[in-house]
Amino acid sequence: MINLGLRIKNLRLEKGLTQEQFAIRLGVTKSIISAYESGVRHPSLDMLVKISQSFNVTTDFLLGLNKNLELNVSELSSEQISILRALIEQFSK
């Protein structure tokens, strides 16, 4: 199983968030985010769900149980989803 802390850190950095910004978003302190990312502490089940929702990924992805990144497209139009599919297909070639 991939290191949960590393996965959280990588997703946070991809979003361009500092630890402090991410902590505010989750309603915790910066030191808790640091502890998660360093592996000193693991998030509770409720916090794991909150983190996954914040990044629009599944908890399975965070835990390394599913290597496929899943995006929530429920708020996108059909046209936007089609554009994303075409873009993904271009990168898959």
PDB file of N, CA and C in Angstrom:
ATOM      1  N   MET A   1       0.843  -1.176   0.000  1.00  0.00           N
ATOM      2  CA  MET A   1       0.000   0.000   0.000  1.00  0.00           C
ATOM      3  C   MET A   1       0.890   1.240   0.000  1.00  0.00           C
ATOM      4  N   ILE A   2       0.564   2.175  -0.886  1.00  0.00           N
ATOM      5  CA  ILE A   2       1.356   3.400  -0.988  1.00  0.00           C
ATOM      6  C   ILE A   2       1.242   4.199   0.311  1.00  0.00           C
ATOM      7  N   ASN A   3       2.256   4.949   0.602  1.00  0.00           N
ATOM      8  CA  ASN A   3       2.288   5.781   1.790  1.00  0.00           C
ATOM      9  C   ASN A   3       1.177   6.822   1.707  1.00  0.00           C
ATOM     10  N   LEU A   4       0.224   6.754   2.624  1.00  0.00           N
ATOM     11  CA  LEU A   4      -0.911   7.675   2.653  1.00  0.00           C
ATOM     12  C   LEU A   4      -0.441   9.118   2.757  1.00  0.00           C
ATOM     13  N   GLY A   5       0.518   9.363   3.622  1.00  0.00           N
ATOM     14  CA  GLY A   5       1.021  10.723   3.806  1.00  0.00           C
ATOM     15  C   GLY A   5       1.589  11.316   2.540  1.00  0.00           C
ATOM     16  N   LEU A   6       2.325  10.505   1.796  1.00  0.00           N
ATOM     17  CA  LEU A   6       2.910  10.972   0.543  1.00  0.00           C
ATOM     18  C   LEU A   6       1.822  11.280  -0.478  1.00  0.00           C
ATOM     19  N   ARG A   7       0.804  10.452  -0.513  1.00  0.00           N
ATOM     20  CA  ARG A   7      -0.299  10.676  -1.454  1.00  0.00           C
ATOM     21  C   ARG A   7      -1.021  11.985  -1.110  1.00  0.00           C
ATOM     22  N   ILE A   8      -1.257  12.228   0.180  1.00  0.00           N
ATOM     23  CA  ILE A   8      -1.905  13.478   0.605  1.00  0.00           C
ATOM     24  C   ILE A   8      -1.043  14.672   0.217  1.00  0.00           C
ATOM     25  N   LYS A   9       0.241  14.568   0.488  1.00  0.00           N
ATOM     26  CA  LYS A   9       1.158  15.676   0.172  1.00  0.00           C
ATOM     27  C   LYS A   9       1.175  15.957  -1.320  1.00  0.00           C
ATOM     28  N   ASN A  10       1.275  14.910  -2.142  1.00  0.00           N
ATOM     29  CA  ASN A  10       1.318  15.106  -3.588  1.00  0.00           C
ATOM     30  C   ASN A  10       0.034  15.752  -4.107  1.00  0.00           C
ATOM     31  N   LEU A  11      -1.115  15.314  -3.604  1.00  0.00           N
ATOM     32  CA  LEU A  11      -2.383  15.909  -4.023  1.00  0.00           C
ATOM     33  C   LEU A  11      -2.474  17.368  -3.582  1.00  0.00           C
ATOM     34  N   ARG A  12      -2.011  17.644  -2.367  1.00  0.00           N
ATOM     35  CA  ARG A  12      -2.029  19.026  -1.869  1.00  0.00           C
ATOM     36  C   ARG A  12      -1.166  19.929  -2.740  1.00  0.00           C
ATOM     37  N   LEU A  13       0.020  19.443  -3.079  1.00  0.00           N
ATOM     38  CA  LEU A  13       0.920  20.234  -3.913  1.00  0.00           C
ATOM     39  C   LEU A  13       0.359  20.428  -5.320  1.00  0.00           C
ATOM     40  N   GLU A  14      -0.295  19.402  -5.860  1.00  0.00           N
ATOM     41  CA  GLU A  14      -0.922  19.521  -7.182  1.00  0.00           C
ATOM     42  C   GLU A  14      -1.994  20.604  -7.182  1.00  0.00           C
ATOM     43  N   LYS A  15      -2.666  20.785  -6.056  1.00  0.00           N
ATOM     44  CA  LYS A  15      -3.691  21.830  -5.928  1.00  0.00           C
ATOM     45  C   LYS A  15      -3.080  23.193  -5.620  1.00  0.00           C
ATOM     46  N   GLY A  16      -1.761  23.213  -5.392  1.00  0.00           N
ATOM     47  CA  GLY A  16      -1.083  24.473  -5.099  1.00  0.00           C
ATOM     48  C   GLY A  16      -1.396  25.029  -3.715  1.00  0.00           C
ATOM     49  N   LEU A  17      -1.671  24.125  -2.770  1.00  0.00           N
ATOM     50  CA  LEU A  17      -2.009  24.540  -1.417  1.00  0.00           C
ATOM     51  C   LEU A  17      -0.822  24.368  -0.471  1.00  0.00           C
ATOM     52  N   THR A  18      -0.682  25.305   0.441  1.00  0.00           N
ATOM     53  CA  THR A  18       0.289  25.127   1.518  1.00  0.00           C
ATOM     54  C   THR A  18      -0.356  24.229   2.566  1.00  0.00           C
ATOM     55  N   GLN A  19       0.451  23.747   3.491  1.00  0.00           N
ATOM     56  CA  GLN A  19      -0.108  22.951   4.584  1.00  0.00           C
ATOM     57  C   GLN A  19      -1.111  23.782   5.382  1.00  0.00           C
ATOM     58  N   GLU A  20      -0.802  25.037   5.581  1.00  0.00           N
ATOM     59  CA  GLU A  20      -1.689  25.910   6.356  1.00  0.00           C
ATOM     60  C   GLU A  20      -3.025  26.115   5.634  1.00  0.00           C
ATOM     61  N   GLN A  21      -2.974  26.356   4.325  1.00  0.00           N
ATOM     62  CA  GLN A  21      -4.211  26.530   3.564  1.00  0.00           C
ATOM     63  C   GLN A  21      -5.068  25.268   3.592  1.00  0.00           C
ATOM     64  N   PHE A  22      -4.408  24.125   3.448  1.00  0.00           N
ATOM     65  CA  PHE A  22      -5.146  22.862   3.460  1.00  0.00           C
ATOM     66  C   PHE A  22      -5.733  22.597   4.848  1.00  0.00           C
ATOM     67  N   ALA A  23      -4.980  22.926   5.875  1.00  0.00           N
ATOM     68  CA  ALA A  23      -5.463  22.754   7.252  1.00  0.00           C
ATOM     69  C   ALA A  23      -6.715  23.592   7.491  1.00  0.00           C
ATOM     70  N   ILE A  24      -6.710  24.819   7.028  1.00  0.00           N
ATOM     71  CA  ILE A  24      -7.879  25.693   7.188  1.00  0.00           C
ATOM     72  C   ILE A  24      -9.077  25.098   6.463  1.00  0.00           C
ATOM     73  N   ARG A  25      -8.849  24.588   5.265  1.00  0.00           N
ATOM     74  CA  ARG A  25      -9.924  23.972   4.483  1.00  0.00           C
ATOM     75  C   ARG A  25     -10.562  22.797   5.233  1.00  0.00           C
ATOM     76  N   LEU A  26      -9.718  22.034   5.953  1.00  0.00           N
ATOM     77  CA  LEU A  26     -10.208  20.857   6.675  1.00  0.00           C
ATOM     78  C   LEU A  26     -10.636  21.162   8.109  1.00  0.00           C
ATOM     79  N   GLY A  27     -10.314  22.357   8.591  1.00  0.00           N
ATOM     80  CA  GLY A  27     -10.674  22.713   9.962  1.00  0.00           C
ATOM     81  C   GLY A  27      -9.762  22.105  11.008  1.00  0.00           C
ATOM     82  N   VAL A  28      -8.489  21.933  10.650  1.00  0.00           N
ATOM     83  CA  VAL A  28      -7.494  21.397  11.582  1.00  0.00           C
ATOM     84  C   VAL A  28      -6.289  22.339  11.596  1.00  0.00           C
ATOM     85  N   THR A  29      -5.280  21.978  12.378  1.00  0.00           N
ATOM     86  CA  THR A  29      -4.071  22.806  12.427  1.00  0.00           C
ATOM     87  C   THR A  29      -3.055  22.342  11.388  1.00  0.00           C
ATOM     88  N   LYS A  30      -2.122  23.227  11.082  1.00  0.00           N
ATOM     89  CA  LYS A  30      -1.046  22.915  10.150  1.00  0.00           C
ATOM     90  C   LYS A  30      -0.217  21.737  10.656  1.00  0.00           C
ATOM     91  N   SER A  31      -0.038  21.657  11.972  1.00  0.00           N
ATOM     92  CA  SER A  31       0.775  20.571  12.533  1.00  0.00           C
ATOM     93  C   SER A  31       0.119  19.207  12.305  1.00  0.00           C
ATOM     94  N   ILE A  32      -1.202  19.160  12.260  1.00  0.00           N
ATOM     95  CA  ILE A  32      -1.880  17.891  11.986  1.00  0.00           C
ATOM     96  C   ILE A  32      -1.633  17.477  10.540  1.00  0.00           C
ATOM     97  N   ILE A  33      -1.719  18.439   9.622  1.00  0.00           N
ATOM     98  CA  ILE A  33      -1.437  18.123   8.205  1.00  0.00           C
ATOM     99  C   ILE A  33       0.001  17.639   8.071  1.00  0.00           C
ATOM    100  N   SER A  34       0.915  18.295   8.738  1.00  0.00           N
ATOM    101  CA  SER A  34       2.316  17.884   8.716  1.00  0.00           C
ATOM    102  C   SER A  34       2.474  16.467   9.248  1.00  0.00           C
ATOM    103  N   ALA A  35       1.767  16.149  10.324  1.00  0.00           N
ATOM    104  CA  ALA A  35       1.843  14.804  10.914  1.00  0.00           C
ATOM    105  C   ALA A  35       1.270  13.756   9.963  1.00  0.00           C
ATOM    106  N   TYR A  36       0.181  14.083   9.257  1.00  0.00           N
ATOM    107  CA  TYR A  36      -0.381  13.157   8.269  1.00  0.00           C
ATOM    108  C   TYR A  36       0.636  12.888   7.158  1.00  0.00           C
ATOM    109  N   GLU A  37       1.203  13.976   6.635  1.00  0.00           N
ATOM    110  CA  GLU A  37       2.106  13.849   5.496  1.00  0.00           C
ATOM    111  C   GLU A  37       3.408  13.142   5.850  1.00  0.00           C
ATOM    112  N   SER A  38       3.854  13.287   7.069  1.00  0.00           N
ATOM    113  CA  SER A  38       5.099  12.636   7.479  1.00  0.00           C
ATOM    114  C   SER A  38       4.871  11.204   7.969  1.00  0.00           C
ATOM    115  N   GLY A  39       3.605  10.818   8.116  1.00  0.00           N
ATOM    116  CA  GLY A  39       3.292   9.474   8.563  1.00  0.00           C
ATOM    117  C   GLY A  39       3.344   9.285  10.067  1.00  0.00           C
ATOM    118  N   VAL A  40       3.537  10.376  10.803  1.00  0.00           N
ATOM    119  CA  VAL A  40       3.564  10.313  12.262  1.00  0.00           C
ATOM    120  C   VAL A  40       2.169  10.023  12.804  1.00  0.00           C
ATOM    121  N   ARG A  41       1.179  10.500  12.089  1.00  0.00           N
ATOM    122  CA  ARG A  41      -0.214  10.347  12.510  1.00  0.00           C
ATOM    123  C   ARG A  41      -1.059   9.984  11.294  1.00  0.00           C
ATOM    124  N   HIS A  42      -2.090   9.177  11.503  1.00  0.00           N
ATOM    125  CA  HIS A  42      -3.009   8.816  10.435  1.00  0.00           C
ATOM    126  C   HIS A  42      -4.360   9.475  10.683  1.00  0.00           C
ATOM    127  N   PRO A  43      -5.006   9.940   9.617  1.00  0.00           N
ATOM    128  CA  PRO A  43      -6.310  10.581   9.804  1.00  0.00           C
ATOM    129  C   PRO A  43      -7.377   9.577  10.238  1.00  0.00           C
ATOM    130  N   SER A  44      -8.345  10.076  10.987  1.00  0.00           N
ATOM    131  CA  SER A  44      -9.496   9.245  11.356  1.00  0.00           C
ATOM    132  C   SER A  44     -10.289   8.939  10.089  1.00  0.00           C
ATOM    133  N   LEU A  45     -11.231   8.030  10.199  1.00  0.00           N
ATOM    134  CA  LEU A  45     -12.063   7.680   9.050  1.00  0.00           C
ATOM    135  C   LEU A  45     -12.819   8.904   8.543  1.00  0.00           C
ATOM    136  N   ASP A  46     -13.388   9.679   9.458  1.00  0.00           N
ATOM    137  CA  ASP A  46     -14.105  10.891   9.060  1.00  0.00           C
ATOM    138  C   ASP A  46     -13.190  11.875   8.336  1.00  0.00           C
ATOM    139  N   MET A  47     -11.978  12.032   8.851  1.00  0.00           N
ATOM    140  CA  MET A  47     -11.030  12.960   8.231  1.00  0.00           C
ATOM    141  C   MET A  47     -10.553  12.429   6.882  1.00  0.00           C
ATOM    142  N   LEU A  48     -10.388  11.123   6.765  1.00  0.00           N
ATOM    143  CA  LEU A  48      -9.990  10.521   5.495  1.00  0.00           C
ATOM    144  C   LEU A  48     -11.042  10.821   4.425  1.00  0.00           C
ATOM    145  N   VAL A  49     -12.300  10.706   4.797  1.00  0.00           N
ATOM    146  CA  VAL A  49     -13.392  11.023   3.859  1.00  0.00           C
ATOM    147  C   VAL A  49     -13.343  12.506   3.494  1.00  0.00           C
ATOM    148  N   LYS A  50     -13.126  13.364   4.474  1.00  0.00           N
ATOM    149  CA  LYS A  50     -13.048  14.807   4.237  1.00  0.00           C
ATOM    150  C   LYS A  50     -11.896  15.141   3.283  1.00  0.00           C
ATOM    151  N   ILE A  51     -10.753  14.495   3.473  1.00  0.00           N
ATOM    152  CA  ILE A  51      -9.591  14.714   2.611  1.00  0.00           C
ATOM    153  C   ILE A  51      -9.904  14.257   1.194  1.00  0.00           C
ATOM    154  N   SER A  52     -10.503  13.074   1.066  1.00  0.00           N
ATOM    155  CA  SER A  52     -10.815  12.562  -0.275  1.00  0.00           C
ATOM    156  C   SER A  52     -11.804  13.474  -0.983  1.00  0.00           C
ATOM    157  N   GLN A  53     -12.788  13.985  -0.261  1.00  0.00           N
ATOM    158  CA  GLN A  53     -13.750  14.901  -0.867  1.00  0.00           C
ATOM    159  C   GLN A  53     -13.088  16.213  -1.273  1.00  0.00           C
ATOM    160  N   SER A  54     -12.148  16.668  -0.485  1.00  0.00           N
ATOM    161  CA  SER A  54     -11.435  17.906  -0.789  1.00  0.00           C
ATOM    162  C   SER A  54     -10.653  17.804  -2.097  1.00  0.00           C
ATOM    163  N   PHE A  55     -10.123  16.622  -2.367  1.00  0.00           N
ATOM    164  CA  PHE A  55      -9.346  16.406  -3.587  1.00  0.00           C
ATOM    165  C   PHE A  55     -10.166  15.769  -4.713  1.00  0.00           C
ATOM    166  N   ASN A  56     -11.445  15.468  -4.443  1.00  0.00           N
ATOM    167  CA  ASN A  56     -12.304  14.791  -5.428  1.00  0.00           C
ATOM    168  C   ASN A  56     -11.714  13.462  -5.877  1.00  0.00           C
ATOM    169  N   VAL A  57     -11.204  12.695  -4.925  1.00  0.00           N
ATOM    170  CA  VAL A  57     -10.704  11.346  -5.198  1.00  0.00           C
ATOM    171  C   VAL A  57     -11.386  10.389  -4.224  1.00  0.00           C
ATOM    172  N   THR A  58     -11.254   9.109  -4.471  1.00  0.00           N
ATOM    173  CA  THR A  58     -11.850   8.125  -3.565  1.00  0.00           C
ATOM    174  C   THR A  58     -10.907   7.860  -2.387  1.00  0.00           C
ATOM    175  N   THR A  59     -11.488   7.345  -1.316  1.00  0.00           N
ATOM    176  CA  THR A  59     -10.653   6.950  -0.181  1.00  0.00           C
ATOM    177  C   THR A  59      -9.746   5.790  -0.594  1.00  0.00           C
ATOM    178  N   ASP A  60     -10.227   4.916  -1.471  1.00  0.00           N
ATOM    179  CA  ASP A  60      -9.387   3.824  -1.976  1.00  0.00           C
ATOM    180  C   ASP A  60      -8.150   4.370  -2.679  1.00  0.00           C
ATOM    181  N   PHE A  61      -8.313   5.444  -3.438  1.00  0.00           N
ATOM    182  CA  PHE A  61      -7.159   6.050  -4.107  1.00  0.00           C
ATOM    183  C   PHE A  61      -6.178   6.593  -3.072  1.00  0.00           C
ATOM    184  N   LEU A  62      -6.690   7.285  -2.056  1.00  0.00           N
ATOM    185  CA  LEU A  62      -5.811   7.823  -1.011  1.00  0.00           C
ATOM    186  C   LEU A  62      -5.032   6.723  -0.306  1.00  0.00           C
ATOM    187  N   LEU A  63      -5.707   5.604  -0.072  1.00  0.00           N
ATOM    188  CA  LEU A  63      -5.075   4.500   0.645  1.00  0.00           C
ATOM    189  C   LEU A  63      -4.195   3.627  -0.244  1.00  0.00           C
ATOM    190  N   GLY A  64      -4.189   3.907  -1.537  1.00  0.00           N
ATOM    191  CA  GLY A  64      -3.367   3.126  -2.455  1.00  0.00           C
ATOM    192  C   GLY A  64      -3.994   1.801  -2.843  1.00  0.00           C
ATOM    193  N   LEU A  65      -5.275   1.614  -2.546  1.00  0.00           N
ATOM    194  CA  LEU A  65      -5.959   0.374  -2.894  1.00  0.00           C
ATOM    195  C   LEU A  65      -6.405   0.369  -4.340  1.00  0.00           C
ATOM    196  N   ASN A  66      -6.569   1.540  -4.899  1.00  0.00           N
ATOM    197  CA  ASN A  66      -6.967   1.693  -6.291  1.00  0.00           C
ATOM    198  C   ASN A  66      -6.013   2.697  -6.914  1.00  0.00           C
ATOM    199  N   LYS A  67      -5.263   2.262  -7.890  1.00  0.00           N
ATOM    200  CA  LYS A  67      -4.266   3.145  -8.495  1.00  0.00           C
ATOM    201  C   LYS A  67      -4.864   4.092  -9.524  1.00  0.00           C
ATOM    202  N   ASN A  68      -6.117   3.855  -9.888  1.00  0.00           N
ATOM    203  CA  ASN A  68      -6.770   4.716 -10.868  1.00  0.00           C
ATOM    204  C   ASN A  68      -7.323   5.955 -10.178  1.00  0.00           C
ATOM    205  N   LEU A  69      -6.909   7.087 -10.663  1.00  0.00           N
ATOM    206  CA  LEU A  69      -7.425   8.341 -10.144  1.00  0.00           C
ATOM    207  C   LEU A  69      -8.812   8.552 -10.721  1.00  0.00           C
ATOM    208  N   GLU A  70      -9.782   8.734  -9.851  1.00  0.00           N
ATOM    209  CA  GLU A  70     -11.154   8.953 -10.298  1.00  0.00           C
ATOM    210  C   GLU A  70     -11.534  10.398 -10.005  1.00  0.00           C
ATOM    211  N   LEU A  71     -12.092  11.037 -11.004  1.00  0.00           N
ATOM    212  CA  LEU A  71     -12.511  12.415 -10.855  1.00  0.00           C
ATOM    213  C   LEU A  71     -14.023  12.492 -10.768  1.00  0.00           C
ATOM    214  N   ASN A  72     -14.507  13.377  -9.938  1.00  0.00           N
ATOM    215  CA  ASN A  72     -15.941  13.603  -9.823  1.00  0.00           C
ATOM    216  C   ASN A  72     -16.345  14.602 -10.904  1.00  0.00           C
ATOM    217  N   VAL A  73     -17.095  14.139 -11.885  1.00  0.00           N
ATOM    218  CA  VAL A  73     -17.524  14.995 -12.989  1.00  0.00           C
ATOM    219  C   VAL A  73     -19.020  15.287 -12.923  1.00  0.00           C
ATOM    220  N   SER A  74     -19.635  15.019 -11.789  1.00  0.00           N
ATOM    221  CA  SER A  74     -21.085  15.155 -11.662  1.00  0.00           C
ATOM    222  C   SER A  74     -21.579  16.583 -11.888  1.00  0.00           C
ATOM    223  N   GLU A  75     -20.732  17.557 -11.669  1.00  0.00           N
ATOM    224  CA  GLU A  75     -21.157  18.950 -11.844  1.00  0.00           C
ATOM    225  C   GLU A  75     -20.759  19.520 -13.198  1.00  0.00           C
ATOM    226  N   LEU A  76     -20.202  18.668 -14.077  1.00  0.00           N
ATOM    227  CA  LEU A  76     -19.807  19.120 -15.408  1.00  0.00           C
ATOM    228  C   LEU A  76     -20.912  18.843 -16.414  1.00  0.00           C
ATOM    229  N   SER A  77     -20.936  19.652 -17.464  1.00  0.00           N
ATOM    230  CA  SER A  77     -21.910  19.438 -18.528  1.00  0.00           C
ATOM    231  C   SER A  77     -21.448  18.275 -19.401  1.00  0.00           C
ATOM    232  N   SER A  78     -22.339  17.766 -20.225  1.00  0.00           N
ATOM    233  CA  SER A  78     -21.998  16.680 -21.153  1.00  0.00           C
ATOM    234  C   SER A  78     -20.882  17.108 -22.091  1.00  0.00           C
ATOM    235  N   GLU A  79     -20.922  18.351 -22.520  1.00  0.00           N
ATOM    236  CA  GLU A  79     -19.893  18.871 -23.419  1.00  0.00           C
ATOM    237  C   GLU A  79     -18.528  18.903 -22.726  1.00  0.00           C
ATOM    238  N   GLN A  80     -18.497  19.337 -21.474  1.00  0.00           N
ATOM    239  CA  GLN A  80     -17.242  19.387 -20.724  1.00  0.00           C
ATOM    240  C   GLN A  80     -16.685  17.983 -20.508  1.00  0.00           C
ATOM    241  N   ILE A  81     -17.553  17.025 -20.226  1.00  0.00           N
ATOM    242  CA  ILE A  81     -17.114  15.637 -20.037  1.00  0.00           C
ATOM    243  C   ILE A  81     -16.540  15.091 -21.336  1.00  0.00           C
ATOM    244  N   SER A  82     -17.163  15.402 -22.457  1.00  0.00           N
ATOM    245  CA  SER A  82     -16.659  14.952 -23.765  1.00  0.00           C
ATOM    246  C   SER A  82     -15.278  15.535 -24.057  1.00  0.00           C
ATOM    247  N   ILE A  83     -15.090  16.780 -23.711  1.00  0.00           N
ATOM    248  CA  ILE A  83     -13.790  17.433 -23.916  1.00  0.00           C
ATOM    249  C   ILE A  83     -12.723  16.746 -23.063  1.00  0.00           C
ATOM    250  N   LEU A  84     -13.060  16.449 -21.812  1.00  0.00           N
ATOM    251  CA  LEU A  84     -12.109  15.762 -20.934  1.00  0.00           C
ATOM    252  C   LEU A  84     -11.760  14.382 -21.466  1.00  0.00           C
ATOM    253  N   ARG A  85     -12.757  13.638 -21.938  1.00  0.00           N
ATOM    254  CA  ARG A  85     -12.498  12.315 -22.500  1.00  0.00           C
ATOM    255  C   ARG A  85     -11.553  12.390 -23.684  1.00  0.00           C
ATOM    256  N   ALA A  86     -11.793  13.361 -24.572  1.00  0.00           N
ATOM    257  CA  ALA A  86     -10.930  13.525 -25.748  1.00  0.00           C
ATOM    258  C   ALA A  86      -9.501  13.867 -25.324  1.00  0.00           C
ATOM    259  N   LEU A  87      -9.373  14.715 -24.332  1.00  0.00           N
ATOM    260  CA  LEU A  87      -8.047  15.081 -23.828  1.00  0.00           C
ATOM    261  C   LEU A  87      -7.330  13.892 -23.232  1.00  0.00           C
ATOM    262  N   ILE A  88      -8.044  13.099 -22.454  1.00  0.00           N
ATOM    263  CA  ILE A  88      -7.461  11.900 -21.844  1.00  0.00           C
ATOM    264  C   ILE A  88      -7.021  10.909 -22.915  1.00  0.00           C
ATOM    265  N   GLU A  89      -7.835  10.756 -23.938  1.00  0.00           N
ATOM    266  CA  GLU A  89      -7.478   9.856 -25.035  1.00  0.00           C
ATOM    267  C   GLU A  89      -6.192  10.312 -25.724  1.00  0.00           C
ATOM    268  N   GLN A  90      -6.003  11.604 -25.874  1.00  0.00           N
ATOM    269  CA  GLN A  90      -4.777  12.122 -26.491  1.00  0.00           C
ATOM    270  C   GLN A  90      -3.548  11.796 -25.654  1.00  0.00           C
ATOM    271  N   PHE A  91      -3.670  11.855 -24.350  1.00  0.00           N
ATOM    272  CA  PHE A  91      -2.549  11.551 -23.473  1.00  0.00           C
ATOM    273  C   PHE A  91      -2.287  10.035 -23.390  1.00  0.00           C
ATOM    274  N   SER A  92      -3.300   9.245 -23.681  1.00  0.00           N
ATOM    275  CA  SER A  92      -3.162   7.786 -23.600  1.00  0.00           C
ATOM    276  C   SER A  92      -2.484   7.174 -24.810  1.00  0.00           C
ATOM    277  N   LYS A  93      -2.316   7.961 -25.844  1.00  0.00           N
ATOM    278  CA  LYS A  93      -1.711   7.441 -27.077  1.00  0.00           C
ATOM    279  C   LYS A  93      -0.219   7.292 -26.959  1.00  0.00           C
TER     280      LYS A  93
END
